[in-house]
Amino acid sequence: MSTMHAVRAHTRGGPEQLVYEEAPRPEPGPGEVLVAVKAASMTPHELT
């Protein structure tokens, strides 16, 4: 699989800036691993 789904913010701002979209799947380098995240959270401070 060469793509994945991601919630990303392309500009600073509130939750209205978050976009659910398809993104390129990163390839781990030597000594790295790729972790599938099933849940995450943000605080309001992280969005400003």
N, C-alpha and C. Protein backbone atom coordinates (compact mmCIF):
# COMPACT_ATOMS: atom_id res chain seq x y z
N MET A 1 0.85 -1.18 0.00
CA MET A 1 0.00 0.00 0.00
C MET A 1 0.89 1.24 0.00
N SER A 2 0.68 2.14 -0.95
CA SER A 2 1.54 3.31 -1.06
C SER A 2 0.90 4.57 -0.48
N THR A 3 -0.37 4.48 -0.07
CA THR A 3 -1.02 5.64 0.54
C THR A 3 -1.69 5.23 1.85
N MET A 4 -2.06 6.22 2.62
CA MET A 4 -2.76 6.02 3.89
C MET A 4 -3.72 7.19 4.08
N HIS A 5 -4.59 7.11 5.05
CA HIS A 5 -5.46 8.23 5.39
C HIS A 5 -4.87 8.94 6.59
N ALA A 6 -4.99 10.26 6.60
CA ALA A 6 -4.41 11.06 7.69
C ALA A 6 -5.27 12.28 7.95
N VAL A 7 -5.25 12.74 9.19
CA VAL A 7 -5.85 14.02 9.55
C VAL A 7 -4.69 14.99 9.66
N ARG A 8 -4.69 16.00 8.82
CA ARG A 8 -3.56 16.94 8.78
C ARG A 8 -4.06 18.37 8.81
N ALA A 9 -3.20 19.25 9.30
CA ALA A 9 -3.47 20.68 9.30
C ALA A 9 -2.42 21.34 8.41
N HIS A 10 -2.86 22.00 7.36
CA HIS A 10 -1.93 22.66 6.44
C HIS A 10 -1.66 24.10 6.84
N THR A 11 -2.51 24.66 7.70
CA THR A 11 -2.31 26.00 8.24
C THR A 11 -2.65 25.99 9.72
N ARG A 12 -2.10 26.96 10.46
CA ARG A 12 -2.40 27.06 11.88
C ARG A 12 -3.83 27.56 12.07
N GLY A 13 -4.44 27.15 13.17
CA GLY A 13 -5.80 27.59 13.45
C GLY A 13 -6.53 26.58 14.29
N GLY A 14 -7.82 26.68 14.31
CA GLY A 14 -8.67 25.81 15.10
C GLY A 14 -8.96 24.50 14.40
N PRO A 15 -9.90 23.75 14.96
CA PRO A 15 -10.22 22.43 14.40
C PRO A 15 -10.75 22.49 12.97
N GLU A 16 -11.24 23.65 12.55
CA GLU A 16 -11.73 23.77 11.17
C GLU A 16 -10.60 23.65 10.15
N GLN A 17 -9.36 23.76 10.59
CA GLN A 17 -8.20 23.63 9.70
C GLN A 17 -7.80 22.17 9.46
N LEU A 18 -8.34 21.24 10.26
CA LEU A 18 -7.99 19.83 10.11
C LEU A 18 -8.68 19.24 8.89
N VAL A 19 -7.92 18.47 8.11
CA VAL A 19 -8.44 17.88 6.89
C VAL A 19 -8.15 16.39 6.91
N TYR A 20 -9.19 15.58 6.70
CA TYR A 20 -9.02 14.13 6.57
C TYR A 20 -8.78 13.85 5.10
N GLU A 21 -7.62 13.28 4.79
CA GLU A 21 -7.26 13.10 3.39
C GLU A 21 -6.33 11.92 3.19
N GLU A 22 -6.17 11.55 1.95
CA GLU A 22 -5.22 10.51 1.59
C GLU A 22 -3.84 11.14 1.51
N ALA A 23 -2.85 10.43 2.03
CA ALA A 23 -1.49 10.95 2.07
C ALA A 23 -0.51 9.84 1.68
N PRO A 24 0.66 10.20 1.19
CA PRO A 24 1.66 9.17 0.87
C PRO A 24 2.11 8.46 2.14
N ARG A 25 2.24 7.17 2.06
CA ARG A 25 2.70 6.38 3.20
C ARG A 25 4.21 6.52 3.32
N PRO A 26 4.72 6.94 4.49
CA PRO A 26 6.17 7.08 4.64
C PRO A 26 6.86 5.71 4.65
N GLU A 27 8.04 5.67 4.13
CA GLU A 27 8.85 4.45 4.15
C GLU A 27 9.90 4.57 5.25
N PRO A 28 9.90 3.65 6.21
CA PRO A 28 10.90 3.73 7.28
C PRO A 28 12.31 3.48 6.75
N GLY A 29 13.24 4.20 7.31
CA GLY A 29 14.64 4.02 6.94
C GLY A 29 15.30 2.99 7.83
N PRO A 30 16.58 2.78 7.67
CA PRO A 30 17.32 1.82 8.51
C PRO A 30 17.21 2.20 9.98
N GLY A 31 16.86 1.24 10.81
CA GLY A 31 16.74 1.47 12.25
C GLY A 31 15.44 2.14 12.65
N GLU A 32 14.49 2.31 11.72
CA GLU A 32 13.21 2.95 12.00
C GLU A 32 12.08 1.94 11.82
N VAL A 33 10.92 2.23 12.40
CA VAL A 33 9.73 1.40 12.21
C VAL A 33 8.55 2.30 11.83
N LEU A 34 7.57 1.75 11.17
CA LEU A 34 6.35 2.45 10.83
C LEU A 34 5.26 1.94 11.77
N VAL A 35 4.64 2.84 12.53
CA VAL A 35 3.64 2.47 13.52
C VAL A 35 2.26 2.92 13.04
N ALA A 36 1.29 2.02 13.08
CA ALA A 36 -0.09 2.37 12.72
C ALA A 36 -0.77 2.94 13.97
N VAL A 37 -1.22 4.16 13.88
CA VAL A 37 -1.90 4.83 15.00
C VAL A 37 -3.40 4.64 14.81
N LYS A 38 -4.07 4.08 15.81
CA LYS A 38 -5.51 3.84 15.74
C LYS A 38 -6.30 4.94 16.42
N ALA A 39 -5.69 5.68 17.35
CA ALA A 39 -6.38 6.77 18.05
C ALA A 39 -5.36 7.77 18.53
N ALA A 40 -5.75 9.04 18.54
CA ALA A 40 -4.87 10.11 19.01
C ALA A 40 -5.75 11.25 19.49
N SER A 41 -5.17 12.18 20.21
CA SER A 41 -5.94 13.34 20.66
C SER A 41 -5.07 14.58 20.60
N MET A 42 -5.75 15.73 20.63
CA MET A 42 -5.06 17.03 20.65
C MET A 42 -5.74 17.91 21.68
N THR A 43 -4.98 18.82 22.24
CA THR A 43 -5.56 19.81 23.13
C THR A 43 -5.82 21.09 22.33
N PRO A 44 -6.73 21.95 22.78
CA PRO A 44 -6.97 23.19 22.05
C PRO A 44 -5.70 24.02 21.87
N HIS A 45 -4.79 23.97 22.82
CA HIS A 45 -3.55 24.72 22.73
C HIS A 45 -2.68 24.26 21.55
N GLU A 46 -2.72 22.97 21.23
CA GLU A 46 -1.91 22.45 20.12
C GLU A 46 -2.41 22.92 18.76
N LEU A 47 -3.65 23.39 18.67
CA LEU A 47 -4.21 23.83 17.41
C LEU A 47 -3.99 25.30 17.14
N THR A 48 -3.45 26.05 18.13
CA THR A 48 -3.25 27.48 17.93
C THR A 48 -1.79 27.82 17.78
